[in-house]
Amino acid sequence: MKRKYWRCCRKCCLALLLIWALLILLALFTEQGKRAIRFIEKGNDCSDTHSVVFIEETCKNHSKGLVSGTFCEHLCSGAVQFKTCLGHGVKPHVLLAGYGDTEIVLKAKRLYSDSAVKSHIHELSRDKIYSYKEFLLVMNLTIASRLFSAKEYVAHEQLDKLFEECDGNGDKQIGFNEAASCFRILCADEYIFYLLLHGIPGIPDTYGTCGNIFAVQNIPATNMRDHILTRDPRTWEKRARIALSLLDMIEALEKTPHGVLYLCDVQETNFGVSEGVDGSLKAYAIDLDISFFEKDMYSMVTGQVTTPCEQHSDCDIVSCWSQCDMETKMCKGSLYSSNLQVLCLEILQTHGFYDPGLLYNAPDIISEHLNNLLDLCSNPKHLIRFSDDVLVKSPLNMLSGLRNLLRNSISS
C-alpha cells in the first residue's frame, strides 16, 4: 500500500515539474520572454574595464586639444565618477556615472564604421578658422543631411547651443580640432534629437558633450509588463498612473515643433518613469536610436529595402509599420502605425495569460470597456493587413478616451 502511495506521489511530482518546465518554455516564446533574452544579451556586451579606458582615452585627447565640448572639464576633472557599463559592443557605449549627488548616463556612438564622419572631417581645412556664421551654416546642412530633411528643422537657439558645444575654448571661433570633434557628436542621431527636442516633455535633459560622448539625465528603465512567474506588487492605481504618464509622453511627441517624432523601437526597456517629490509620475523615452520625424519616414521606408518586398513586414522599421505594393513589389513609403497604436499593442494590452500587459486585471467596473478600447487602439497588424490590405492608424482622440477612463478608475 505504501509503495503505491509513494509511486503516486512521484508521478504527481514529475507531472508538476513537467508543467513548470512547459510554463517556462512558453514564457520564452512570448514577446515578454524574447524581450528578457534581448535584455540579457545586451547586458553581456558590457565591460567596465573597457569603459574606463574609453573615458580615459577621451580625456587624454581633450588634454591634447583633439576633442572639445562643454562637458569635458566635468568628465576629466574627477567631477564624474564612472559606476558601471549599461551596454556596448556593436552598439553605442552606454555608461552609468555619478555626477555630484545625481546619476547620469554617458552615451557615445562608435565611429569607426561611420563614413559620414570621415567624409566631413576630410573636407575640413586644418588651417581654416570658422566664424560663427560660417560654422553654423555647415552644421545646419550636416544636421539636415543626417535627418534626410530640410534645414528648417534647426532653430537659432538650438544652433547657438550647438556652437557653444563645439567652441571648446570659448573664443567664438572654431578651429580644425573643434570642428572635427563637433562632426563626431553630430554623427550620433540620438544626440541630434536631444538637441532639437530640448525641453519637450518625455525627452531626458542633456548636460553637455565631450568629443563623441554626450551626457544625459539618468532615467532607469521601468518594468511595464508583469511576469508570469511572479505577481506584480504594484496596485492598479500605480499601474494606471504609469499608463497615464506614457499617454502624456505620446501626446507631447505628436506635437513637437518639428512634427511627430515616431518611436520605432517600442519595448519596455526603452521607457522610464520618474517620480517627483510631489508623487507625480513622468514618462521618458530613454532610447531614441531608432526614431524619426514624420518628414523623414518616407525616405527611411523607401530607402531601407534595396530588394523587392514580398510582404508588408518587409517594409517595417521595427515597430513602425509600412506597406508593400504587391504589384510593384516596392515599399510604399507611407507609415501605417502611430506611437499610440504601438504603445497599446506592446505595452498596455494583455496578450493571453502568459503575457499580461501593464493594464492587466483592471477593476471590474471598467474592465470590459478598457479591453475594447485597447483592442481598437492596437489594431493588431496581422489582422488589419490581411483585411483588404487596409491599415488604419489609431486616432489620437482615442488617447483622450483612454486617459479619461483611467483617471476615472483611480479617482472613484
Foldseek 3Di string as FASTA:
>chain_A
DVVVVVVVVVVVVVVVVVVVVVLVVVLCPDPNNVVVVVQVVQQVQWDFVVVVVVLVVLLVCVVVVLKFKPCSCCSNVPQKAWDTWSGDDQAWTWTWIDHVPAIKIKTFGDDPPPVQLVVVLVPDDQPDKAALVRLLVVVLVLLCVLQVHDSVLDDPVLSVNLQNGLPRVPPRIHGSSSSSLSSRLSNQVVVVCCSSCPPQFQAWHWDMDIRRMTMTHDFFQDDQWAALVDGDPDDLLVLLQVVLQVLVNQVSQCDGPQHHKAQQADARRQKGWDADPVRHIHMHRNDRRPIHHPVRQLVCQQVVDPDFACFQCVSGRRRWTFGADNVVSGTPSDTQEGNQLSCLVHAACADDSRIHHSNPPAPPVCVVVLNVLSCLQNVPCVVQCPPVNDGHYRDSVSSVVSNVSSVVSNVD
